[in-house]
């Protein structure tokens, strides 16, 4: 969950990814995984988001 401007930016990104097509029947969201971390967590915890994303890739 985000607050204010961050929520809007996340929603805009999600909508834009859904509208962007890779080919005729496939949107970017069909081939993407999004990993999120909370900004109120310590730096080490936030770093794990990047490691999780690398593992998923």
PDB file of N, CA and C in Angstrom:
ATOM      1  N   UNK A   1       0.844  -1.182   0.000  1.00  0.00           N
ATOM      2  CA  UNK A   1       0.000   0.000   0.000  1.00  0.00           C
ATOM      3  C   UNK A   1       0.881   1.233   0.000  1.00  0.00           C
ATOM      4  N   UNK A   2       0.485   2.200  -0.735  1.00  0.00           N
ATOM      5  CA  UNK A   2       1.207   3.455  -0.768  1.00  0.00           C
ATOM      6  C   UNK A   2       0.331   4.563  -0.221  1.00  0.00           C
ATOM      7  N   UNK A   3       0.913   5.724  -0.098  1.00  0.00           N
ATOM      8  CA  UNK A   3       0.166   6.870   0.401  1.00  0.00           C
ATOM      9  C   UNK A   3       0.334   8.009  -0.591  1.00  0.00           C
ATOM     10  N   UNK A   4      -0.753   8.612  -0.979  1.00  0.00           N
ATOM     11  CA  UNK A   4      -0.705   9.816  -1.806  1.00  0.00           C
ATOM     12  C   UNK A   4      -0.061   9.604  -3.155  1.00  0.00           C
ATOM     13  N   UNK A   5       0.974  10.374  -3.420  1.00  0.00           N
ATOM     14  CA  UNK A   5       1.623  10.386  -4.729  1.00  0.00           C
ATOM     15  C   UNK A   5       2.200   9.024  -5.095  1.00  0.00           C
ATOM     16  N   UNK A   6       2.745   8.304  -4.143  1.00  0.00           N
ATOM     17  CA  UNK A   6       3.314   6.983  -4.425  1.00  0.00           C
ATOM     18  C   UNK A   6       2.244   6.014  -4.912  1.00  0.00           C
ATOM     19  N   UNK A   7       1.064   6.091  -4.326  1.00  0.00           N
ATOM     20  CA  UNK A   7      -0.033   5.232  -4.760  1.00  0.00           C
ATOM     21  C   UNK A   7      -0.409   5.546  -6.201  1.00  0.00           C
ATOM     22  N   UNK A   8      -0.482   6.822  -6.532  1.00  0.00           N
ATOM     23  CA  UNK A   8      -0.833   7.215  -7.896  1.00  0.00           C
ATOM     24  C   UNK A   8       0.217   6.736  -8.888  1.00  0.00           C
ATOM     25  N   UNK A   9       1.488   6.878  -8.539  1.00  0.00           N
ATOM     26  CA  UNK A   9       2.564   6.443  -9.430  1.00  0.00           C
ATOM     27  C   UNK A   9       2.507   4.938  -9.656  1.00  0.00           C
ATOM     28  N   UNK A  10       2.266   4.187  -8.600  1.00  0.00           N
ATOM     29  CA  UNK A  10       2.162   2.734  -8.730  1.00  0.00           C
ATOM     30  C   UNK A  10       0.977   2.320  -9.579  1.00  0.00           C
ATOM     31  N   UNK A  11      -0.138   2.990  -9.393  1.00  0.00           N
ATOM     32  CA  UNK A  11      -1.332   2.698 -10.192  1.00  0.00           C
ATOM     33  C   UNK A  11      -1.097   3.038 -11.655  1.00  0.00           C
ATOM     34  N   UNK A  12      -0.477   4.181 -11.918  1.00  0.00           N
ATOM     35  CA  UNK A  12      -0.165   4.571 -13.296  1.00  0.00           C
ATOM     36  C   UNK A  12       0.757   3.551 -13.959  1.00  0.00           C
ATOM     37  N   UNK A  13       1.773   3.091 -13.240  1.00  0.00           N
ATOM     38  CA  UNK A  13       2.695   2.090 -13.780  1.00  0.00           C
ATOM     39  C   UNK A  13       1.953   0.806 -14.117  1.00  0.00           C
ATOM     40  N   UNK A  14       1.112   0.335 -13.202  1.00  0.00           N
ATOM     41  CA  UNK A  14       0.364  -0.901 -13.409  1.00  0.00           C
ATOM     42  C   UNK A  14      -0.554  -0.791 -14.629  1.00  0.00           C
ATOM     43  N   UNK A  15      -1.263   0.323 -14.748  1.00  0.00           N
ATOM     44  CA  UNK A  15      -2.171   0.523 -15.885  1.00  0.00           C
ATOM     45  C   UNK A  15      -1.388   0.596 -17.191  1.00  0.00           C
ATOM     46  N   UNK A  16      -0.278   1.334 -17.189  1.00  0.00           N
ATOM     47  CA  UNK A  16       0.530   1.469 -18.407  1.00  0.00           C
ATOM     48  C   UNK A  16       1.110   0.124 -18.839  1.00  0.00           C
ATOM     49  N   UNK A  17       1.548  -0.674 -17.878  1.00  0.00           N
ATOM     50  CA  UNK A  17       2.075  -2.002 -18.216  1.00  0.00           C
ATOM     51  C   UNK A  17       0.974  -2.900 -18.780  1.00  0.00           C
ATOM     52  N   UNK A  18      -0.239  -2.765 -18.274  1.00  0.00           N
ATOM     53  CA  UNK A  18      -1.357  -3.549 -18.785  1.00  0.00           C
ATOM     54  C   UNK A  18      -1.763  -3.144 -20.190  1.00  0.00           C
ATOM     55  N   UNK A  19      -1.580  -1.873 -20.527  1.00  0.00           N
ATOM     56  CA  UNK A  19      -1.948  -1.368 -21.848  1.00  0.00           C
ATOM     57  C   UNK A  19      -0.853  -1.582 -22.889  1.00  0.00           C
ATOM     58  N   UNK A  20       0.388  -1.767 -22.454  1.00  0.00           N
ATOM     59  CA  UNK A  20       1.505  -1.942 -23.378  1.00  0.00           C
ATOM     60  C   UNK A  20       1.544  -3.391 -23.848  1.00  0.00           C
ATOM     61  N   UNK A  21       1.489  -3.566 -25.156  1.00  0.00           N
ATOM     62  CA  UNK A  21       1.421  -4.913 -25.719  1.00  0.00           C
ATOM     63  C   UNK A  21       2.784  -5.360 -26.251  1.00  0.00           C
ATOM     64  N   UNK A  22       3.126  -6.620 -25.955  1.00  0.00           N
ATOM     65  CA  UNK A  22       4.339  -7.229 -26.504  1.00  0.00           C
ATOM     66  C   UNK A  22       4.047  -7.715 -27.914  1.00  0.00           C
ATOM     67  N   UNK A  23       2.938  -8.402 -28.061  1.00  0.00           N
ATOM     68  CA  UNK A  23       2.445  -8.784 -29.374  1.00  0.00           C
ATOM     69  C   UNK A  23       0.935  -8.599 -29.367  1.00  0.00           C
ATOM     70  N   UNK A  24       0.257  -9.160 -30.343  1.00  0.00           N
ATOM     71  CA  UNK A  24      -1.172  -8.907 -30.508  1.00  0.00           C
ATOM     72  C   UNK A  24      -2.020  -9.310 -29.298  1.00  0.00           C
ATOM     73  N   UNK A  25      -1.633 -10.381 -28.599  1.00  0.00           N
ATOM     74  CA  UNK A  25      -2.461 -10.909 -27.508  1.00  0.00           C
ATOM     75  C   UNK A  25      -1.789 -10.886 -26.144  1.00  0.00           C
ATOM     76  N   UNK A  26      -0.594 -10.330 -26.029  1.00  0.00           N
ATOM     77  CA  UNK A  26       0.169 -10.415 -24.787  1.00  0.00           C
ATOM     78  C   UNK A  26       0.560  -9.027 -24.296  1.00  0.00           C
ATOM     79  N   UNK A  27       0.123  -8.696 -23.083  1.00  0.00           N
ATOM     80  CA  UNK A  27       0.533  -7.420 -22.497  1.00  0.00           C
ATOM     81  C   UNK A  27       1.820  -7.627 -21.699  1.00  0.00           C
ATOM     82  N   UNK A  28       2.467  -6.542 -21.356  1.00  0.00           N
ATOM     83  CA  UNK A  28       3.695  -6.606 -20.566  1.00  0.00           C
ATOM     84  C   UNK A  28       3.422  -7.287 -19.225  1.00  0.00           C
ATOM     85  N   UNK A  29       2.249  -7.050 -18.639  1.00  0.00           N
ATOM     86  CA  UNK A  29       1.916  -7.660 -17.346  1.00  0.00           C
ATOM     87  C   UNK A  29       1.839  -9.182 -17.420  1.00  0.00           C
ATOM     88  N   UNK A  30       1.545  -9.723 -18.602  1.00  0.00           N
ATOM     89  CA  UNK A  30       1.490 -11.178 -18.751  1.00  0.00           C
ATOM     90  C   UNK A  30       2.869 -11.812 -18.621  1.00  0.00           C
ATOM     91  N   UNK A  31       3.921 -11.030 -18.814  1.00  0.00           N
ATOM     92  CA  UNK A  31       5.293 -11.546 -18.786  1.00  0.00           C
ATOM     93  C   UNK A  31       6.137 -10.915 -17.691  1.00  0.00           C
ATOM     94  N   UNK A  32       5.520 -10.197 -16.765  1.00  0.00           N
ATOM     95  CA  UNK A  32       6.272  -9.464 -15.745  1.00  0.00           C
ATOM     96  C   UNK A  32       5.886  -9.918 -14.345  1.00  0.00           C
ATOM     97  N   UNK A  33       6.824  -9.771 -13.439  1.00  0.00           N
ATOM     98  CA  UNK A  33       6.563  -9.972 -12.011  1.00  0.00           C
ATOM     99  C   UNK A  33       7.033  -8.712 -11.291  1.00  0.00           C
ATOM    100  N   UNK A  34       6.198  -8.178 -10.440  1.00  0.00           N
ATOM    101  CA  UNK A  34       6.538  -6.973  -9.688  1.00  0.00           C
ATOM    102  C   UNK A  34       6.802  -7.358  -8.242  1.00  0.00           C
ATOM    103  N   UNK A  35       7.916  -6.871  -7.696  1.00  0.00           N
ATOM    104  CA  UNK A  35       8.286  -7.148  -6.305  1.00  0.00           C
ATOM    105  C   UNK A  35       8.332  -5.814  -5.576  1.00  0.00           C
ATOM    106  N   UNK A  36       7.644  -5.730  -4.451  1.00  0.00           N
ATOM    107  CA  UNK A  36       7.543  -4.479  -3.705  1.00  0.00           C
ATOM    108  C   UNK A  36       8.137  -4.629  -2.315  1.00  0.00           C
ATOM    109  N   UNK A  37       8.688  -3.550  -1.798  1.00  0.00           N
ATOM    110  CA  UNK A  37       9.168  -3.499  -0.424  1.00  0.00           C
ATOM    111  C   UNK A  37       8.686  -2.220   0.229  1.00  0.00           C
ATOM    112  N   UNK A  38       8.441  -2.287   1.512  1.00  0.00           N
ATOM    113  CA  UNK A  38       7.968  -1.115   2.237  1.00  0.00           C
ATOM    114  C   UNK A  38       9.140  -0.207   2.583  1.00  0.00           C
ATOM    115  N   UNK A  39       8.956   1.087   2.390  1.00  0.00           N
ATOM    116  CA  UNK A  39      10.025   2.045   2.637  1.00  0.00           C
ATOM    117  C   UNK A  39      10.272   2.294   4.120  1.00  0.00           C
ATOM    118  N   UNK A  40       9.375   1.838   4.991  1.00  0.00           N
ATOM    119  CA  UNK A  40       9.594   2.052   6.420  1.00  0.00           C
ATOM    120  C   UNK A  40      10.410   0.922   7.051  1.00  0.00           C
ATOM    121  N   UNK A  41      10.897  -0.007   6.238  1.00  0.00           N
ATOM    122  CA  UNK A  41      11.729  -1.104   6.724  1.00  0.00           C
ATOM    123  C   UNK A  41      13.200  -0.676   6.740  1.00  0.00           C
ATOM    124  N   UNK A  42      14.032  -1.354   7.541  1.00  0.00           N
ATOM    125  CA  UNK A  42      15.468  -1.043   7.553  1.00  0.00           C
ATOM    126  C   UNK A  42      16.108  -1.315   6.182  1.00  0.00           C
ATOM    127  N   UNK A  43      17.237  -0.671   5.886  1.00  0.00           N
ATOM    128  CA  UNK A  43      17.878  -0.829   4.577  1.00  0.00           C
ATOM    129  C   UNK A  43      18.172  -2.283   4.205  1.00  0.00           C
ATOM    130  N   UNK A  44      18.607  -3.087   5.154  1.00  0.00           N
ATOM    131  CA  UNK A  44      18.901  -4.489   4.855  1.00  0.00           C
ATOM    132  C   UNK A  44      17.676  -5.254   4.401  1.00  0.00           C
ATOM    133  N   UNK A  45      16.561  -4.948   5.000  1.00  0.00           N
ATOM    134  CA  UNK A  45      15.303  -5.595   4.617  1.00  0.00           C
ATOM    135  C   UNK A  45      14.879  -5.146   3.228  1.00  0.00           C
ATOM    136  N   UNK A  46      15.021  -3.861   2.938  1.00  0.00           N
ATOM    137  CA  UNK A  46      14.658  -3.354   1.609  1.00  0.00           C
ATOM    138  C   UNK A  46      15.570  -3.936   0.536  1.00  0.00           C
ATOM    139  N   UNK A  47      16.836  -4.193   0.875  1.00  0.00           N
ATOM    140  CA  UNK A  47      17.758  -4.773  -0.092  1.00  0.00           C
ATOM    141  C   UNK A  47      17.296  -6.160  -0.529  1.00  0.00           C
ATOM    142  N   UNK A  48      16.634  -6.868   0.361  1.00  0.00           N
ATOM    143  CA  UNK A  48      16.159  -8.212   0.020  1.00  0.00           C
ATOM    144  C   UNK A  48      15.134  -8.198  -1.105  1.00  0.00           C
ATOM    145  N   UNK A  49      14.470  -7.076  -1.308  1.00  0.00           N
ATOM    146  CA  UNK A  49      13.530  -6.973  -2.424  1.00  0.00           C
ATOM    147  C   UNK A  49      14.287  -7.155  -3.735  1.00  0.00           C
ATOM    148  N   UNK A  50      15.432  -6.505  -3.868  1.00  0.00           N
ATOM    149  CA  UNK A  50      16.237  -6.657  -5.084  1.00  0.00           C
ATOM    150  C   UNK A  50      16.722  -8.091  -5.236  1.00  0.00           C
ATOM    151  N   UNK A  51      17.126  -8.715  -4.151  1.00  0.00           N
ATOM    152  CA  UNK A  51      17.579 -10.106  -4.223  1.00  0.00           C
ATOM    153  C   UNK A  51      16.428 -11.036  -4.597  1.00  0.00           C
ATOM    154  N   UNK A  52      15.254 -10.764  -4.081  1.00  0.00           N
ATOM    155  CA  UNK A  52      14.071 -11.557  -4.444  1.00  0.00           C
ATOM    156  C   UNK A  52      13.761 -11.406  -5.927  1.00  0.00           C
ATOM    157  N   UNK A  53      13.862 -10.184  -6.428  1.00  0.00           N
ATOM    158  CA  UNK A  53      13.607  -9.944  -7.849  1.00  0.00           C
ATOM    159  C   UNK A  53      14.621 -10.684  -8.715  1.00  0.00           C
ATOM    160  N   UNK A  54      15.883 -10.686  -8.312  1.00  0.00           N
ATOM    161  CA  UNK A  54      16.900 -11.432  -9.062  1.00  0.00           C
ATOM    162  C   UNK A  54      16.610 -12.925  -9.044  1.00  0.00           C
ATOM    163  N   UNK A  55      16.188 -13.445  -7.906  1.00  0.00           N
ATOM    164  CA  UNK A  55      15.852 -14.864  -7.802  1.00  0.00           C
ATOM    165  C   UNK A  55      14.694 -15.208  -8.731  1.00  0.00           C
ATOM    166  N   UNK A  56      13.691 -14.358  -8.772  1.00  0.00           N
ATOM    167  CA  UNK A  56      12.540 -14.614  -9.635  1.00  0.00           C
ATOM    168  C   UNK A  56      12.910 -14.535 -11.111  1.00  0.00           C
ATOM    169  N   UNK A  57      13.860 -13.662 -11.446  1.00  0.00           N
ATOM    170  CA  UNK A  57      14.261 -13.505 -12.845  1.00  0.00           C
ATOM    171  C   UNK A  57      14.992 -14.738 -13.306  1.00  0.00           C
TER     172      UNK A  57
END
